[in-house]
Amino acid sequence: MQYIVFFDAKADVSAQEINVEREKWCDQGKDEELSKRCKMIRRYEVVGKSPLQIVFIIETDDPTALNILSRHFGKKWHCVSYPVVERDIAAALKEDEQM
C-alpha cells in the first residue's frame, strides 16, 4: 500500500530545533530502520513554505512503519497520513462514472 504523509512544522518551532531532531533521527539509525520496513520512501520539501512543510510518499506492507516518523517528529510537527492509490485522470473518470 502507498501512503502520502504530510508534516507541517509547528509555528513556534525554530529551524535549529528541526535540525536537532534530524540529527537525532540519523544518530539513532531511524533512517535505516524505516528503510527496512518500506519498499519505497520519497521525501519532498514544499519550496517557499513557512513554516516548513514536508511530504513523504511511502510504500509499505507494514503501516505501523509510519509510526516511526510520527513518534520521532510528532512533538514539533503536525502530521497526517492517508492511504493512496495511483490513478490517471481517465481511469478515475471511468471508475467514477461506474458508481
N, C-alpha and C. Protein backbone atom coordinates (compact mmCIF):
# COMPACT_ATOMS: atom_id res chain seq x y z
N MET A 1 0.85 -1.17 0.00
CA MET A 1 0.00 0.00 0.00
C MET A 1 0.90 1.23 0.00
N GLN A 2 0.44 2.25 -0.70
CA GLN A 2 1.15 3.53 -0.69
C GLN A 2 0.43 4.50 0.23
N TYR A 3 1.22 5.37 0.83
CA TYR A 3 0.70 6.39 1.75
C TYR A 3 1.32 7.72 1.38
N ILE A 4 0.53 8.78 1.55
CA ILE A 4 1.06 10.13 1.46
C ILE A 4 1.02 10.69 2.88
N VAL A 5 2.13 11.25 3.30
CA VAL A 5 2.28 11.72 4.67
C VAL A 5 2.69 13.18 4.63
N PHE A 6 1.93 14.03 5.32
CA PHE A 6 2.22 15.46 5.38
C PHE A 6 2.74 15.82 6.76
N PHE A 7 3.86 16.51 6.79
CA PHE A 7 4.40 17.05 8.03
C PHE A 7 4.46 18.56 7.89
N ASP A 8 3.78 19.27 8.78
CA ASP A 8 3.84 20.73 8.83
C ASP A 8 4.51 21.11 10.14
N ALA A 9 5.63 21.84 10.05
CA ALA A 9 6.31 22.28 11.26
C ALA A 9 5.37 23.18 12.06
N LYS A 10 5.34 22.97 13.36
CA LYS A 10 4.53 23.84 14.21
C LYS A 10 5.12 25.24 14.18
N ALA A 11 4.26 26.25 14.23
CA ALA A 11 4.67 27.64 14.04
C ALA A 11 5.72 28.11 15.02
N ASP A 12 5.72 27.57 16.23
CA ASP A 12 6.66 28.04 17.26
C ASP A 12 7.97 27.26 17.28
N VAL A 13 8.21 26.41 16.29
CA VAL A 13 9.42 25.59 16.25
C VAL A 13 10.46 26.25 15.35
N SER A 14 11.67 26.41 15.87
CA SER A 14 12.74 27.07 15.11
C SER A 14 13.44 26.08 14.17
N ALA A 15 14.15 26.64 13.19
CA ALA A 15 14.93 25.82 12.27
C ALA A 15 15.99 25.03 13.03
N GLN A 16 16.55 25.63 14.07
CA GLN A 16 17.56 24.94 14.88
C GLN A 16 16.96 23.71 15.56
N GLU A 17 15.74 23.84 16.10
CA GLU A 17 15.07 22.70 16.74
C GLU A 17 14.81 21.58 15.73
N ILE A 18 14.43 21.96 14.53
CA ILE A 18 14.20 20.97 13.47
C ILE A 18 15.49 20.23 13.15
N ASN A 19 16.59 20.96 13.05
CA ASN A 19 17.87 20.33 12.74
C ASN A 19 18.33 19.41 13.86
N VAL A 20 18.07 19.77 15.12
CA VAL A 20 18.41 18.89 16.24
C VAL A 20 17.64 17.59 16.13
N GLU A 21 16.34 17.66 15.79
CA GLU A 21 15.53 16.45 15.59
C GLU A 21 16.08 15.59 14.46
N ARG A 22 16.48 16.23 13.37
CA ARG A 22 17.04 15.50 12.23
C ARG A 22 18.33 14.78 12.62
N GLU A 23 19.19 15.47 13.38
CA GLU A 23 20.44 14.86 13.83
C GLU A 23 20.16 13.64 14.71
N LYS A 24 19.20 13.76 15.62
CA LYS A 24 18.84 12.63 16.48
C LYS A 24 18.33 11.47 15.64
N TRP A 25 17.51 11.76 14.65
CA TRP A 25 16.97 10.74 13.75
C TRP A 25 18.10 9.94 13.12
N CYS A 26 19.09 10.66 12.59
CA CYS A 26 20.22 10.00 11.93
C CYS A 26 21.08 9.25 12.94
N ASP A 27 21.38 9.88 14.07
CA ASP A 27 22.22 9.26 15.09
C ASP A 27 21.60 7.97 15.65
N GLN A 28 20.28 7.93 15.73
CA GLN A 28 19.58 6.77 16.28
C GLN A 28 19.31 5.68 15.23
N GLY A 29 19.77 5.90 13.99
CA GLY A 29 19.63 4.89 12.94
C GLY A 29 18.20 4.69 12.46
N LYS A 30 17.37 5.69 12.64
CA LYS A 30 15.95 5.52 12.27
C LYS A 30 15.74 5.49 10.76
N ASP A 31 16.63 6.16 10.01
CA ASP A 31 16.53 6.10 8.55
C ASP A 31 16.62 4.66 8.08
N GLU A 32 17.60 3.95 8.61
CA GLU A 32 17.81 2.54 8.24
C GLU A 32 16.63 1.68 8.69
N GLU A 33 16.15 1.93 9.90
CA GLU A 33 15.01 1.17 10.43
C GLU A 33 13.78 1.36 9.55
N LEU A 34 13.50 2.60 9.16
CA LEU A 34 12.35 2.88 8.31
C LEU A 34 12.54 2.25 6.93
N SER A 35 13.74 2.36 6.38
CA SER A 35 14.02 1.80 5.05
C SER A 35 13.80 0.29 5.01
N LYS A 36 14.14 -0.40 6.08
CA LYS A 36 13.97 -1.85 6.13
C LYS A 36 12.49 -2.24 6.09
N ARG A 37 11.63 -1.38 6.60
CA ARG A 37 10.21 -1.71 6.70
C ARG A 37 9.39 -1.18 5.52
N CYS A 38 10.05 -0.47 4.61
CA CYS A 38 9.34 0.13 3.48
C CYS A 38 9.96 -0.31 2.16
N LYS A 39 9.11 -0.44 1.16
CA LYS A 39 9.58 -0.76 -0.19
C LYS A 39 10.14 0.48 -0.87
N MET A 40 9.54 1.64 -0.57
CA MET A 40 9.93 2.88 -1.21
C MET A 40 9.60 4.04 -0.28
N ILE A 41 10.52 5.00 -0.21
CA ILE A 41 10.29 6.23 0.56
C ILE A 41 10.80 7.38 -0.28
N ARG A 42 9.94 8.35 -0.52
CA ARG A 42 10.34 9.57 -1.22
C ARG A 42 9.97 10.75 -0.34
N ARG A 43 10.89 11.67 -0.19
CA ARG A 43 10.70 12.83 0.69
C ARG A 43 10.80 14.09 -0.15
N TYR A 44 9.84 15.00 0.04
CA TYR A 44 9.81 16.26 -0.70
C TYR A 44 9.61 17.40 0.29
N GLU A 45 10.23 18.54 -0.01
CA GLU A 45 10.00 19.76 0.77
C GLU A 45 9.25 20.74 -0.11
N VAL A 46 8.23 21.37 0.44
CA VAL A 46 7.48 22.38 -0.29
C VAL A 46 8.33 23.65 -0.29
N VAL A 47 8.67 24.14 -1.47
CA VAL A 47 9.56 25.28 -1.62
C VAL A 47 8.84 26.57 -1.24
N GLY A 48 9.50 27.38 -0.41
CA GLY A 48 8.98 28.69 -0.05
C GLY A 48 7.87 28.68 0.98
N LYS A 49 7.58 27.54 1.56
CA LYS A 49 6.50 27.43 2.56
C LYS A 49 7.07 27.70 3.94
N SER A 50 6.39 28.53 4.68
CA SER A 50 6.79 28.80 6.06
C SER A 50 5.54 28.77 6.93
N PRO A 51 5.50 27.96 7.96
CA PRO A 51 6.57 27.06 8.40
C PRO A 51 6.78 25.92 7.40
N LEU A 52 7.90 25.26 7.57
CA LEU A 52 8.34 24.20 6.68
C LEU A 52 7.28 23.10 6.54
N GLN A 53 7.10 22.62 5.31
CA GLN A 53 6.20 21.50 5.06
C GLN A 53 6.96 20.42 4.30
N ILE A 54 6.84 19.18 4.79
CA ILE A 54 7.48 18.01 4.19
C ILE A 54 6.37 17.05 3.75
N VAL A 55 6.56 16.45 2.59
CA VAL A 55 5.62 15.45 2.08
C VAL A 55 6.40 14.18 1.78
N PHE A 56 5.92 13.07 2.30
CA PHE A 56 6.51 11.76 2.02
C PHE A 56 5.53 10.95 1.19
N ILE A 57 6.06 10.20 0.24
CA ILE A 57 5.31 9.14 -0.43
C ILE A 57 6.00 7.85 0.02
N ILE A 58 5.25 6.99 0.67
CA ILE A 58 5.82 5.78 1.26
C ILE A 58 5.03 4.57 0.77
N GLU A 59 5.75 3.54 0.35
CA GLU A 59 5.12 2.27 0.01
C GLU A 59 5.60 1.23 1.01
N THR A 60 4.65 0.59 1.67
CA THR A 60 4.99 -0.41 2.68
C THR A 60 3.84 -1.39 2.86
N ASP A 61 4.19 -2.61 3.24
CA ASP A 61 3.18 -3.59 3.63
C ASP A 61 2.93 -3.53 5.13
N ASP A 62 3.68 -2.69 5.82
CA ASP A 62 3.61 -2.56 7.27
C ASP A 62 3.22 -1.12 7.63
N PRO A 63 1.92 -0.82 7.72
CA PRO A 63 1.51 0.55 8.00
C PRO A 63 2.02 1.09 9.34
N THR A 64 2.42 0.20 10.25
CA THR A 64 2.97 0.69 11.52
C THR A 64 4.33 1.35 11.31
N ALA A 65 4.94 1.15 10.14
CA ALA A 65 6.21 1.83 9.84
C ALA A 65 6.05 3.34 9.87
N LEU A 66 4.85 3.81 9.54
CA LEU A 66 4.60 5.26 9.57
C LEU A 66 4.73 5.82 10.98
N ASN A 67 4.49 4.97 11.97
CA ASN A 67 4.60 5.42 13.36
C ASN A 67 6.03 5.81 13.73
N ILE A 68 7.01 5.24 13.06
CA ILE A 68 8.41 5.61 13.33
C ILE A 68 8.59 7.10 13.09
N LEU A 69 8.06 7.58 11.99
CA LEU A 69 8.15 9.01 11.68
C LEU A 69 7.36 9.86 12.66
N SER A 70 6.10 9.51 12.85
CA SER A 70 5.24 10.36 13.68
C SER A 70 5.66 10.38 15.14
N ARG A 71 6.17 9.26 15.65
CA ARG A 71 6.62 9.24 17.05
C ARG A 71 7.87 10.09 17.24
N HIS A 72 8.76 10.05 16.27
CA HIS A 72 10.01 10.81 16.42
C HIS A 72 9.78 12.31 16.23
N PHE A 73 9.02 12.67 15.21
CA PHE A 73 8.88 14.08 14.85
C PHE A 73 7.59 14.72 15.35
N GLY A 74 6.72 13.96 15.98
CA GLY A 74 5.39 14.43 16.34
C GLY A 74 5.31 15.60 17.30
N LYS A 75 6.32 15.82 18.12
CA LYS A 75 6.24 16.92 19.09
C LYS A 75 6.45 18.28 18.44
N LYS A 76 7.13 18.31 17.33
CA LYS A 76 7.45 19.58 16.68
C LYS A 76 6.73 19.77 15.34
N TRP A 77 5.99 18.75 14.93
CA TRP A 77 5.32 18.78 13.63
C TRP A 77 3.88 18.31 13.77
N HIS A 78 3.01 18.88 12.94
CA HIS A 78 1.67 18.34 12.75
C HIS A 78 1.82 17.28 11.65
N CYS A 79 1.28 16.11 11.88
CA CYS A 79 1.46 15.01 10.94
C CYS A 79 0.12 14.36 10.63
N VAL A 80 -0.10 14.09 9.34
CA VAL A 80 -1.29 13.35 8.93
C VAL A 80 -0.90 12.46 7.74
N SER A 81 -1.44 11.25 7.73
CA SER A 81 -1.13 10.32 6.64
C SER A 81 -2.42 9.73 6.08
N TYR A 82 -2.36 9.41 4.79
CA TYR A 82 -3.51 8.84 4.09
C TYR A 82 -3.05 7.70 3.19
N PRO A 83 -3.80 6.60 3.14
CA PRO A 83 -3.51 5.60 2.12
C PRO A 83 -3.95 6.15 0.76
N VAL A 84 -3.17 5.87 -0.28
CA VAL A 84 -3.49 6.41 -1.61
C VAL A 84 -3.33 5.32 -2.66
N VAL A 85 -3.99 5.51 -3.78
CA VAL A 85 -3.80 4.67 -4.97
C VAL A 85 -3.45 5.59 -6.13
N GLU A 86 -2.64 5.09 -7.02
CA GLU A 86 -2.24 5.88 -8.18
C GLU A 86 -3.22 5.59 -9.32
N ARG A 87 -3.86 6.64 -9.82
CA ARG A 87 -4.78 6.52 -10.96
C ARG A 87 -4.62 7.74 -11.84
N ASP A 88 -4.57 7.51 -13.14
CA ASP A 88 -4.54 8.67 -14.02
C ASP A 88 -5.96 9.24 -14.14
N ILE A 89 -6.09 10.37 -14.74
CA ILE A 89 -7.38 11.07 -14.79
C ILE A 89 -8.43 10.25 -15.54
N ALA A 90 -8.04 9.62 -16.65
CA ALA A 90 -9.00 8.82 -17.43
C ALA A 90 -9.53 7.64 -16.61
N ALA A 91 -8.66 6.97 -15.88
CA ALA A 91 -9.09 5.84 -15.05
C ALA A 91 -10.00 6.31 -13.93
N ALA A 92 -9.69 7.45 -13.35
CA ALA A 92 -10.54 7.99 -12.28
C ALA A 92 -11.92 8.34 -12.82
N LEU A 93 -11.96 8.95 -14.00
CA LEU A 93 -13.24 9.31 -14.61
C LEU A 93 -14.07 8.07 -14.91
N LYS A 94 -13.44 7.05 -15.48
CA LYS A 94 -14.14 5.81 -15.82
C LYS A 94 -14.70 5.15 -14.56
N GLU A 95 -13.88 5.06 -13.52
CA GLU A 95 -14.33 4.44 -12.28
C GLU A 95 -15.46 5.24 -11.63
N ASP A 96 -15.32 6.57 -11.63
CA ASP A 96 -16.36 7.42 -11.03
C ASP A 96 -17.68 7.32 -11.79
N GLU A 97 -17.62 7.17 -13.11
CA GLU A 97 -18.84 7.06 -13.91
C GLU A 97 -19.56 5.74 -13.65
N GLN A 98 -18.83 4.71 -13.24
CA GLN A 98 -19.43 3.41 -12.97
C GLN A 98 -20.12 3.36 -11.62
N MET A 99 -19.94 4.34 -10.81
CA MET A 99 -20.56 4.35 -9.47
C MET A 99 -21.99 4.80 -9.53
